[in-house]
């Protein structure tokens, strides 16, 4: 193995290690926070549109019922998520208390 090949192998190893460190320390936590915020925004939209699913009367639901064919798949997932998750206060509190 020549010196140039050893240097190239070392650079490749260091580059891979640094990418893993960067991903673990910066990228991954940021992606988790962005996904949680996006999910919360989607949940708020779905709840505003379909509050009747949880027994809360809303005059808006009459007009947003037309969206149901387009949001059918998301509706089932959202309803399951809303019934299974903790309270909204606990969810938001987890963001600030690690």
PDB file of N, CA and C in Angstrom:
ATOM      1  N   UNK A   1       0.854  -1.164   0.000  1.00  0.00           N
ATOM      2  CA  UNK A   1       0.000   0.000   0.000  1.00  0.00           C
ATOM      3  C   UNK A   1       0.904   1.233   0.000  1.00  0.00           C
ATOM      4  N   UNK A   2       0.658   2.086  -0.960  1.00  0.00           N
ATOM      5  CA  UNK A   2       1.484   3.284  -1.064  1.00  0.00           C
ATOM      6  C   UNK A   2       0.993   4.337  -0.079  1.00  0.00           C
ATOM      7  N   UNK A   3       1.780   5.353   0.072  1.00  0.00           N
ATOM      8  CA  UNK A   3       1.449   6.440   0.986  1.00  0.00           C
ATOM      9  C   UNK A   3       0.179   7.162   0.528  1.00  0.00           C
ATOM     10  N   UNK A   4       0.034   7.364  -0.765  1.00  0.00           N
ATOM     11  CA  UNK A   4      -1.159   8.036  -1.290  1.00  0.00           C
ATOM     12  C   UNK A   4      -2.417   7.218  -1.016  1.00  0.00           C
ATOM     13  N   UNK A   5      -2.343   5.910  -1.139  1.00  0.00           N
ATOM     14  CA  UNK A   5      -3.496   5.051  -0.854  1.00  0.00           C
ATOM     15  C   UNK A   5      -3.843   5.081   0.630  1.00  0.00           C
ATOM     16  N   UNK A   6      -2.844   5.101   1.480  1.00  0.00           N
ATOM     17  CA  UNK A   6      -3.085   5.154   2.933  1.00  0.00           C
ATOM     18  C   UNK A   6      -3.738   6.475   3.316  1.00  0.00           C
ATOM     19  N   UNK A   7      -3.266   7.564   2.708  1.00  0.00           N
ATOM     20  CA  UNK A   7      -3.856   8.878   3.001  1.00  0.00           C
ATOM     21  C   UNK A   7      -5.300   8.914   2.520  1.00  0.00           C
ATOM     22  N   UNK A   8      -5.578   8.376   1.346  1.00  0.00           N
ATOM     23  CA  UNK A   8      -6.946   8.348   0.819  1.00  0.00           C
ATOM     24  C   UNK A   8      -7.860   7.509   1.715  1.00  0.00           C
ATOM     25  N   UNK A   9      -7.376   6.372   2.187  1.00  0.00           N
ATOM     26  CA  UNK A   9      -8.168   5.521   3.086  1.00  0.00           C
ATOM     27  C   UNK A   9      -8.423   6.231   4.408  1.00  0.00           C
ATOM     28  N   UNK A  10      -7.416   6.925   4.916  1.00  0.00           N
ATOM     29  CA  UNK A  10      -7.562   7.667   6.176  1.00  0.00           C
ATOM     30  C   UNK A  10      -8.580   8.788   6.018  1.00  0.00           C
ATOM     31  N   UNK A  11      -8.500   9.533   4.911  1.00  0.00           N
ATOM     32  CA  UNK A  11      -9.449  10.623   4.661  1.00  0.00           C
ATOM     33  C   UNK A  11     -10.879  10.090   4.568  1.00  0.00           C
ATOM     34  N   UNK A  12     -11.033   8.957   3.900  1.00  0.00           N
ATOM     35  CA  UNK A  12     -12.363   8.361   3.774  1.00  0.00           C
ATOM     36  C   UNK A  12     -12.922   7.970   5.137  1.00  0.00           C
ATOM     37  N   UNK A  13     -12.081   7.384   5.970  1.00  0.00           N
ATOM     38  CA  UNK A  13     -12.510   6.984   7.309  1.00  0.00           C
ATOM     39  C   UNK A  13     -12.879   8.196   8.150  1.00  0.00           C
ATOM     40  N   UNK A  14     -12.048   9.215   8.109  1.00  0.00           N
ATOM     41  CA  UNK A  14     -12.307  10.423   8.891  1.00  0.00           C
ATOM     42  C   UNK A  14     -13.566  11.128   8.386  1.00  0.00           C
ATOM     43  N   UNK A  15     -13.734  11.194   7.079  1.00  0.00           N
ATOM     44  CA  UNK A  15     -14.916  11.828   6.511  1.00  0.00           C
ATOM     45  C   UNK A  15     -16.185  11.098   6.943  1.00  0.00           C
ATOM     46  N   UNK A  16     -16.171   9.781   6.902  1.00  0.00           N
ATOM     47  CA  UNK A  16     -17.324   8.986   7.326  1.00  0.00           C
ATOM     48  C   UNK A  16     -17.610   9.197   8.811  1.00  0.00           C
ATOM     49  N   UNK A  17     -16.575   9.236   9.620  1.00  0.00           N
ATOM     50  CA  UNK A  17     -16.737   9.422  11.063  1.00  0.00           C
ATOM     51  C   UNK A  17     -17.291  10.805  11.366  1.00  0.00           C
ATOM     52  N   UNK A  18     -16.761  11.835  10.699  1.00  0.00           N
ATOM     53  CA  UNK A  18     -17.253  13.195  10.923  1.00  0.00           C
ATOM     54  C   UNK A  18     -18.694  13.365  10.464  1.00  0.00           C
ATOM     55  N   UNK A  19     -19.051  12.718   9.353  1.00  0.00           N
ATOM     56  CA  UNK A  19     -20.442  12.781   8.907  1.00  0.00           C
ATOM     57  C   UNK A  19     -21.369  12.129   9.932  1.00  0.00           C
ATOM     58  N   UNK A  20     -20.968  10.995  10.474  1.00  0.00           N
ATOM     59  CA  UNK A  20     -21.773  10.340  11.507  1.00  0.00           C
ATOM     60  C   UNK A  20     -21.908  11.189  12.754  1.00  0.00           C
ATOM     61  N   UNK A  21     -20.823  11.846  13.154  1.00  0.00           N
ATOM     62  CA  UNK A  21     -20.864  12.731  14.325  1.00  0.00           C
ATOM     63  C   UNK A  21     -21.800  13.909  14.076  1.00  0.00           C
ATOM     64  N   UNK A  22     -21.683  14.533  12.904  1.00  0.00           N
ATOM     65  CA  UNK A  22     -22.544  15.664  12.556  1.00  0.00           C
ATOM     66  C   UNK A  22     -24.007  15.240  12.513  1.00  0.00           C
ATOM     67  N   UNK A  23     -24.270  14.102  11.915  1.00  0.00           N
ATOM     68  CA  UNK A  23     -25.647  13.614  11.827  1.00  0.00           C
ATOM     69  C   UNK A  23     -26.207  13.334  13.219  1.00  0.00           C
ATOM     70  N   UNK A  24     -25.424  12.717  14.070  1.00  0.00           N
ATOM     71  CA  UNK A  24     -25.906  12.367  15.399  1.00  0.00           C
ATOM     72  C   UNK A  24     -26.103  13.552  16.317  1.00  0.00           C
ATOM     73  N   UNK A  25     -25.277  14.573  16.157  1.00  0.00           N
ATOM     74  CA  UNK A  25     -25.353  15.716  17.073  1.00  0.00           C
ATOM     75  C   UNK A  25     -26.256  16.829  16.564  1.00  0.00           C
ATOM     76  N   UNK A  26     -26.349  17.016  15.250  1.00  0.00           N
ATOM     77  CA  UNK A  26     -27.054  18.179  14.729  1.00  0.00           C
ATOM     78  C   UNK A  26     -28.241  17.800  13.848  1.00  0.00           C
ATOM     79  N   UNK A  27     -28.010  16.987  12.829  1.00  0.00           N
ATOM     80  CA  UNK A  27     -29.076  16.698  11.872  1.00  0.00           C
ATOM     81  C   UNK A  27     -30.234  15.934  12.486  1.00  0.00           C
ATOM     82  N   UNK A  28     -29.960  14.838  13.159  1.00  0.00           N
ATOM     83  CA  UNK A  28     -31.028  13.968  13.654  1.00  0.00           C
ATOM     84  C   UNK A  28     -31.949  14.672  14.646  1.00  0.00           C
ATOM     85  N   UNK A  29     -31.422  15.363  15.680  1.00  0.00           N
ATOM     86  CA  UNK A  29     -32.340  16.066  16.587  1.00  0.00           C
ATOM     87  C   UNK A  29     -33.150  17.148  15.880  1.00  0.00           C
ATOM     88  N   UNK A  30     -32.539  17.822  14.909  1.00  0.00           N
ATOM     89  CA  UNK A  30     -33.276  18.857  14.181  1.00  0.00           C
ATOM     90  C   UNK A  30     -34.404  18.235  13.374  1.00  0.00           C
ATOM     91  N   UNK A  31     -34.142  17.109  12.720  1.00  0.00           N
ATOM     92  CA  UNK A  31     -35.193  16.437  11.954  1.00  0.00           C
ATOM     93  C   UNK A  31     -36.337  15.999  12.863  1.00  0.00           C
ATOM     94  N   UNK A  32     -36.016  15.507  14.048  1.00  0.00           N
ATOM     95  CA  UNK A  32     -37.072  15.084  14.976  1.00  0.00           C
ATOM     96  C   UNK A  32     -37.949  16.264  15.372  1.00  0.00           C
ATOM     97  N   UNK A  33     -37.326  17.406  15.691  1.00  0.00           N
ATOM     98  CA  UNK A  33     -38.107  18.579  16.082  1.00  0.00           C
ATOM     99  C   UNK A  33     -38.962  19.090  14.926  1.00  0.00           C
ATOM    100  N   UNK A  34     -38.410  19.098  13.729  1.00  0.00           N
ATOM    101  CA  UNK A  34     -39.166  19.561  12.569  1.00  0.00           C
ATOM    102  C   UNK A  34     -40.343  18.625  12.299  1.00  0.00           C
ATOM    103  N   UNK A  35     -40.124  17.321  12.414  1.00  0.00           N
ATOM    104  CA  UNK A  35     -41.210  16.366  12.196  1.00  0.00           C
ATOM    105  C   UNK A  35     -42.302  16.516  13.247  1.00  0.00           C
ATOM    106  N   UNK A  36     -41.924  16.729  14.502  1.00  0.00           N
ATOM    107  CA  UNK A  36     -42.928  16.911  15.560  1.00  0.00           C
ATOM    108  C   UNK A  36     -43.744  18.172  15.326  1.00  0.00           C
ATOM    109  N   UNK A  37     -43.084  19.259  14.951  1.00  0.00           N
ATOM    110  CA  UNK A  37     -43.803  20.507  14.697  1.00  0.00           C
ATOM    111  C   UNK A  37     -44.737  20.365  13.493  1.00  0.00           C
ATOM    112  N   UNK A  38     -44.275  19.702  12.454  1.00  0.00           N
ATOM    113  CA  UNK A  38     -45.131  19.486  11.280  1.00  0.00           C
ATOM    114  C   UNK A  38     -46.329  18.622  11.641  1.00  0.00           C
ATOM    115  N   UNK A  39     -46.092  17.596  12.452  1.00  0.00           N
ATOM    116  CA  UNK A  39     -47.186  16.732  12.879  1.00  0.00           C
ATOM    117  C   UNK A  39     -48.178  17.507  13.741  1.00  0.00           C
ATOM    118  N   UNK A  40     -47.687  18.374  14.624  1.00  0.00           N
ATOM    119  CA  UNK A  40     -48.581  19.187  15.443  1.00  0.00           C
ATOM    120  C   UNK A  40     -49.408  20.142  14.596  1.00  0.00           C
ATOM    121  N   UNK A  41     -48.793  20.729  13.577  1.00  0.00           N
ATOM    122  CA  UNK A  41     -49.532  21.625  12.681  1.00  0.00           C
ATOM    123  C   UNK A  41     -50.599  20.865  11.908  1.00  0.00           C
ATOM    124  N   UNK A  42     -50.254  19.694  11.414  1.00  0.00           N
ATOM    125  CA  UNK A  42     -51.232  18.868  10.706  1.00  0.00           C
ATOM    126  C   UNK A  42     -52.365  18.449  11.627  1.00  0.00           C
ATOM    127  N   UNK A  43     -52.022  18.094  12.870  1.00  0.00           N
ATOM    128  CA  UNK A  43     -53.047  17.700  13.835  1.00  0.00           C
ATOM    129  C   UNK A  43     -53.992  18.854  14.140  1.00  0.00           C
ATOM    130  N   UNK A  44     -53.452  20.057  14.270  1.00  0.00           N
ATOM    131  CA  UNK A  44     -54.296  21.223  14.547  1.00  0.00           C
ATOM    132  C   UNK A  44     -55.233  21.499  13.371  1.00  0.00           C
ATOM    133  N   UNK A  45     -54.719  21.381  12.154  1.00  0.00           N
ATOM    134  CA  UNK A  45     -55.567  21.581  10.974  1.00  0.00           C
ATOM    135  C   UNK A  45     -56.679  20.543  10.917  1.00  0.00           C
ATOM    136  N   UNK A  46     -56.307  19.284  11.109  1.00  0.00           N
ATOM    137  CA  UNK A  46     -57.307  18.217  11.047  1.00  0.00           C
ATOM    138  C   UNK A  46     -58.339  18.379  12.167  1.00  0.00           C
ATOM    139  N   UNK A  47     -57.889  18.783  13.339  1.00  0.00           N
ATOM    140  CA  UNK A  47     -58.824  18.970  14.449  1.00  0.00           C
ATOM    141  C   UNK A  47     -59.771  20.128  14.169  1.00  0.00           C
ATOM    142  N   UNK A  48     -59.266  21.202  13.576  1.00  0.00           N
ATOM    143  CA  UNK A  48     -60.130  22.331  13.227  1.00  0.00           C
ATOM    144  C   UNK A  48     -61.161  21.928  12.181  1.00  0.00           C
ATOM    145  N   UNK A  49     -60.769  21.047  11.277  1.00  0.00           N
ATOM    146  CA  UNK A  49     -61.693  20.613  10.223  1.00  0.00           C
ATOM    147  C   UNK A  49     -62.687  19.564  10.694  1.00  0.00           C
ATOM    148  N   UNK A  50     -62.245  18.642  11.534  1.00  0.00           N
ATOM    149  CA  UNK A  50     -63.068  17.496  11.905  1.00  0.00           C
ATOM    150  C   UNK A  50     -63.216  17.349  13.420  1.00  0.00           C
ATOM    151  N   UNK A  51     -63.579  18.412  14.086  1.00  0.00           N
ATOM    152  CA  UNK A  51     -63.763  18.360  15.536  1.00  0.00           C
ATOM    153  C   UNK A  51     -64.944  17.469  15.921  1.00  0.00           C
ATOM    154  N   UNK A  52     -65.890  17.276  15.018  1.00  0.00           N
ATOM    155  CA  UNK A  52     -67.046  16.418  15.295  1.00  0.00           C
ATOM    156  C   UNK A  52     -66.637  14.974  15.563  1.00  0.00           C
ATOM    157  N   UNK A  53     -65.482  14.564  15.080  1.00  0.00           N
ATOM    158  CA  UNK A  53     -65.024  13.191  15.306  1.00  0.00           C
ATOM    159  C   UNK A  53     -64.785  12.925  16.784  1.00  0.00           C
ATOM    160  N   UNK A  54     -64.583  13.981  17.563  1.00  0.00           N
ATOM    161  CA  UNK A  54     -64.357  13.826  18.994  1.00  0.00           C
ATOM    162  C   UNK A  54     -65.520  14.362  19.818  1.00  0.00           C
ATOM    163  N   UNK A  55     -66.651  14.604  19.172  1.00  0.00           N
ATOM    164  CA  UNK A  55     -67.845  15.029  19.888  1.00  0.00           C
ATOM    165  C   UNK A  55     -67.899  16.509  20.175  1.00  0.00           C
ATOM    166  N   UNK A  56     -67.069  17.301  19.551  1.00  0.00           N
ATOM    167  CA  UNK A  56     -67.090  18.745  19.750  1.00  0.00           C
ATOM    168  C   UNK A  56     -67.823  19.363  18.563  1.00  0.00           C
ATOM    169  N   UNK A  57     -69.007  19.928  18.807  1.00  0.00           N
ATOM    170  CA  UNK A  57     -69.761  20.476  17.675  1.00  0.00           C
ATOM    171  C   UNK A  57     -69.035  21.675  17.064  1.00  0.00           C
ATOM    172  N   UNK A  58     -68.971  21.678  15.754  1.00  0.00           N
ATOM    173  CA  UNK A  58     -68.298  22.760  15.049  1.00  0.00           C
ATOM    174  C   UNK A  58     -69.033  23.025  13.740  1.00  0.00           C
ATOM    175  N   UNK A  59     -69.451  24.277  13.524  1.00  0.00           N
ATOM    176  CA  UNK A  59     -70.140  24.572  12.264  1.00  0.00           C
ATOM    177  C   UNK A  59     -69.213  24.456  11.048  1.00  0.00           C
ATOM    178  N   UNK A  60     -67.938  24.510  11.263  1.00  0.00           N
ATOM    179  CA  UNK A  60     -66.989  24.407  10.163  1.00  0.00           C
ATOM    180  C   UNK A  60     -66.987  22.995   9.590  1.00  0.00           C
ATOM    181  N   UNK A  61     -67.284  22.011  10.398  1.00  0.00           N
ATOM    182  CA  UNK A  61     -67.248  20.620   9.950  1.00  0.00           C
ATOM    183  C   UNK A  61     -68.196  20.363   8.791  1.00  0.00           C
ATOM    184  N   UNK A  62     -69.277  21.110   8.726  1.00  0.00           N
ATOM    185  CA  UNK A  62     -70.213  20.945   7.611  1.00  0.00           C
ATOM    186  C   UNK A  62     -69.535  21.257   6.276  1.00  0.00           C
ATOM    187  N   UNK A  63     -68.719  22.280   6.264  1.00  0.00           N
ATOM    188  CA  UNK A  63     -68.060  22.695   5.024  1.00  0.00           C
ATOM    189  C   UNK A  63     -66.795  21.890   4.743  1.00  0.00           C
ATOM    190  N   UNK A  64     -66.135  21.449   5.781  1.00  0.00           N
ATOM    191  CA  UNK A  64     -64.900  20.697   5.573  1.00  0.00           C
ATOM    192  C   UNK A  64     -65.156  19.219   5.310  1.00  0.00           C
ATOM    193  N   UNK A  65     -66.400  18.782   5.403  1.00  0.00           N
ATOM    194  CA  UNK A  65     -66.714  17.384   5.091  1.00  0.00           C
ATOM    195  C   UNK A  65     -66.403  17.072   3.632  1.00  0.00           C
ATOM    196  N   UNK A  66     -66.385  18.102   2.792  1.00  0.00           N
ATOM    197  CA  UNK A  66     -66.045  17.901   1.392  1.00  0.00           C
ATOM    198  C   UNK A  66     -64.572  17.514   1.212  1.00  0.00           C
ATOM    199  N   UNK A  67     -63.737  17.804   2.198  1.00  0.00           N
ATOM    200  CA  UNK A  67     -62.317  17.454   2.132  1.00  0.00           C
ATOM    201  C   UNK A  67     -62.052  15.997   2.494  1.00  0.00           C
ATOM    202  N   UNK A  68     -63.013  15.354   3.109  1.00  0.00           N
ATOM    203  CA  UNK A  68     -62.800  13.995   3.612  1.00  0.00           C
ATOM    204  C   UNK A  68     -62.346  13.000   2.550  1.00  0.00           C
ATOM    205  N   UNK A  69     -62.881  13.013   1.320  1.00  0.00           N
ATOM    206  CA  UNK A  69     -62.357  12.060   0.323  1.00  0.00           C
ATOM    207  C   UNK A  69     -60.869  12.274   0.015  1.00  0.00           C
ATOM    208  N   UNK A  70     -60.407  13.512   0.125  1.00  0.00           N
ATOM    209  CA  UNK A  70     -59.009  13.799  -0.173  1.00  0.00           C
ATOM    210  C   UNK A  70     -58.096  13.526   1.021  1.00  0.00           C
ATOM    211  N   UNK A  71     -58.659  13.593   2.213  1.00  0.00           N
ATOM    212  CA  UNK A  71     -57.878  13.403   3.429  1.00  0.00           C
ATOM    213  C   UNK A  71     -58.217  12.104   4.136  1.00  0.00           C
ATOM    214  N   UNK A  72     -58.825  11.164   3.437  1.00  0.00           N
ATOM    215  CA  UNK A  72     -59.280   9.913   4.055  1.00  0.00           C
ATOM    216  C   UNK A  72     -58.170   9.122   4.713  1.00  0.00           C
ATOM    217  N   UNK A  73     -57.054   8.919   4.026  1.00  0.00           N
ATOM    218  CA  UNK A  73     -55.943   8.153   4.602  1.00  0.00           C
ATOM    219  C   UNK A  73     -55.347   8.875   5.806  1.00  0.00           C
ATOM    220  N   UNK A  74     -55.151  10.181   5.664  1.00  0.00           N
ATOM    221  CA  UNK A  74     -54.595  10.950   6.768  1.00  0.00           C
ATOM    222  C   UNK A  74     -55.563  11.008   7.952  1.00  0.00           C
ATOM    223  N   UNK A  75     -56.875  10.992   7.653  1.00  0.00           N
ATOM    224  CA  UNK A  75     -57.870  11.072   8.715  1.00  0.00           C
ATOM    225  C   UNK A  75     -57.779   9.873   9.653  1.00  0.00           C
ATOM    226  N   UNK A  76     -57.659   8.682   9.079  1.00  0.00           N
ATOM    227  CA  UNK A  76     -57.576   7.480   9.919  1.00  0.00           C
ATOM    228  C   UNK A  76     -56.322   7.502  10.781  1.00  0.00           C
ATOM    229  N   UNK A  77     -55.195   7.872  10.203  1.00  0.00           N
ATOM    230  CA  UNK A  77     -53.947   7.951  10.967  1.00  0.00           C
ATOM    231  C   UNK A  77     -54.034   9.024  12.036  1.00  0.00           C
ATOM    232  N   UNK A  78     -54.611  10.174  11.686  1.00  0.00           N
ATOM    233  CA  UNK A  78     -54.739  11.268  12.642  1.00  0.00           C
ATOM    234  C   UNK A  78     -55.646  10.890  13.810  1.00  0.00           C
ATOM    235  N   UNK A  79     -56.761  10.252  13.500  1.00  0.00           N
ATOM    236  CA  UNK A  79     -57.695   9.863  14.561  1.00  0.00           C
ATOM    237  C   UNK A  79     -57.040   8.869  15.515  1.00  0.00           C
ATOM    238  N   UNK A  80     -56.309   7.906  15.003  1.00  0.00           N
ATOM    239  CA  UNK A  80     -55.606   6.930  15.834  1.00  0.00           C
ATOM    240  C   UNK A  80     -54.544   7.625  16.705  1.00  0.00           C
ATOM    241  N   UNK A  81     -53.819   8.566  16.083  1.00  0.00           N
ATOM    242  CA  UNK A  81     -52.789   9.294  16.811  1.00  0.00           C
ATOM    243  C   UNK A  81     -53.388  10.141  17.930  1.00  0.00           C
ATOM    244  N   UNK A  82     -54.512  10.768  17.656  1.00  0.00           N
ATOM    245  CA  UNK A  82     -55.133  11.639  18.660  1.00  0.00           C
ATOM    246  C   UNK A  82     -55.676  10.833  19.837  1.00  0.00           C
ATOM    247  N   UNK A  83     -56.194   9.656  19.601  1.00  0.00           N
ATOM    248  CA  UNK A  83     -56.725   8.851  20.688  1.00  0.00           C
ATOM    249  C   UNK A  83     -55.603   8.231  21.514  1.00  0.00           C
ATOM    250  N   UNK A  84     -54.449   7.961  20.894  1.00  0.00           N
ATOM    251  CA  UNK A  84     -53.382   7.251  21.583  1.00  0.00           C
ATOM    252  C   UNK A  84     -52.384   8.143  22.308  1.00  0.00           C
ATOM    253  N   UNK A  85     -52.243   9.372  21.913  1.00  0.00           N
ATOM    254  CA  UNK A  85     -51.157  10.178  22.483  1.00  0.00           C
ATOM    255  C   UNK A  85     -51.551  10.840  23.789  1.00  0.00           C
ATOM    256  N   UNK A  86     -50.514  11.296  24.513  1.00  0.00           N
ATOM    257  CA  UNK A  86     -50.739  11.951  25.795  1.00  0.00           C
ATOM    258  C   UNK A  86     -51.405  13.297  25.564  1.00  0.00           C
ATOM    259  N   UNK A  87     -51.564  14.034  26.620  1.00  0.00           N
ATOM    260  CA  UNK A  87     -52.176  15.342  26.468  1.00  0.00           C
ATOM    261  C   UNK A  87     -51.234  16.262  25.694  1.00  0.00           C
ATOM    262  N   UNK A  88     -51.803  17.275  25.106  1.00  0.00           N
ATOM    263  CA  UNK A  88     -51.013  18.216  24.311  1.00  0.00           C
ATOM    264  C   UNK A  88     -49.989  18.946  25.173  1.00  0.00           C
ATOM    265  N   UNK A  89     -50.342  19.210  26.431  1.00  0.00           N
ATOM    266  CA  UNK A  89     -49.426  19.904  27.334  1.00  0.00           C
ATOM    267  C   UNK A  89     -48.191  19.039  27.602  1.00  0.00           C
ATOM    268  N   UNK A  90     -48.379  17.756  27.805  1.00  0.00           N
ATOM    269  CA  UNK A  90     -47.235  16.861  28.020  1.00  0.00           C
ATOM    270  C   UNK A  90     -46.367  16.791  26.776  1.00  0.00           C
ATOM    271  N   UNK A  91     -46.986  16.738  25.614  1.00  0.00           N
ATOM    272  CA  UNK A  91     -46.231  16.655  24.364  1.00  0.00           C
ATOM    273  C   UNK A  91     -45.385  17.900  24.155  1.00  0.00           C
ATOM    274  N   UNK A  92     -45.981  19.066  24.380  1.00  0.00           N
ATOM    275  CA  UNK A  92     -45.234  20.312  24.215  1.00  0.00           C
ATOM    276  C   UNK A  92     -44.171  20.455  25.298  1.00  0.00           C
ATOM    277  N   UNK A  93     -44.445  19.968  26.495  1.00  0.00           N
ATOM    278  CA  UNK A  93     -43.473  20.047  27.580  1.00  0.00           C
ATOM    279  C   UNK A  93     -42.240  19.209  27.313  1.00  0.00           C
ATOM    280  N   UNK A  94     -42.378  18.123  26.564  1.00  0.00           N
ATOM    281  CA  UNK A  94     -41.238  17.268  26.241  1.00  0.00           C
ATOM    282  C   UNK A  94     -40.233  17.983  25.365  1.00  0.00           C
ATOM    283  N   UNK A  95     -40.667  18.972  24.615  1.00  0.00           N
ATOM    284  CA  UNK A  95     -39.754  19.705  23.748  1.00  0.00           C
ATOM    285  C   UNK A  95     -38.755  20.534  24.555  1.00  0.00           C
ATOM    286  N   UNK A  96     -39.160  20.959  25.742  1.00  0.00           N
ATOM    287  CA  UNK A  96     -38.324  21.872  26.509  1.00  0.00           C
ATOM    288  C   UNK A  96     -37.623  21.202  27.668  1.00  0.00           C
ATOM    289  N   UNK A  97     -38.046  19.999  28.041  1.00  0.00           N
ATOM    290  CA  UNK A  97     -37.408  19.262  29.131  1.00  0.00           C
ATOM    291  C   UNK A  97     -36.899  17.940  28.577  1.00  0.00           C
ATOM    292  N   UNK A  98     -35.625  17.877  28.390  1.00  0.00           N
ATOM    293  CA  UNK A  98     -35.034  16.686  27.797  1.00  0.00           C
ATOM    294  C   UNK A  98     -34.867  15.684  28.847  1.00  0.00           C
TER     295      UNK A  98
END
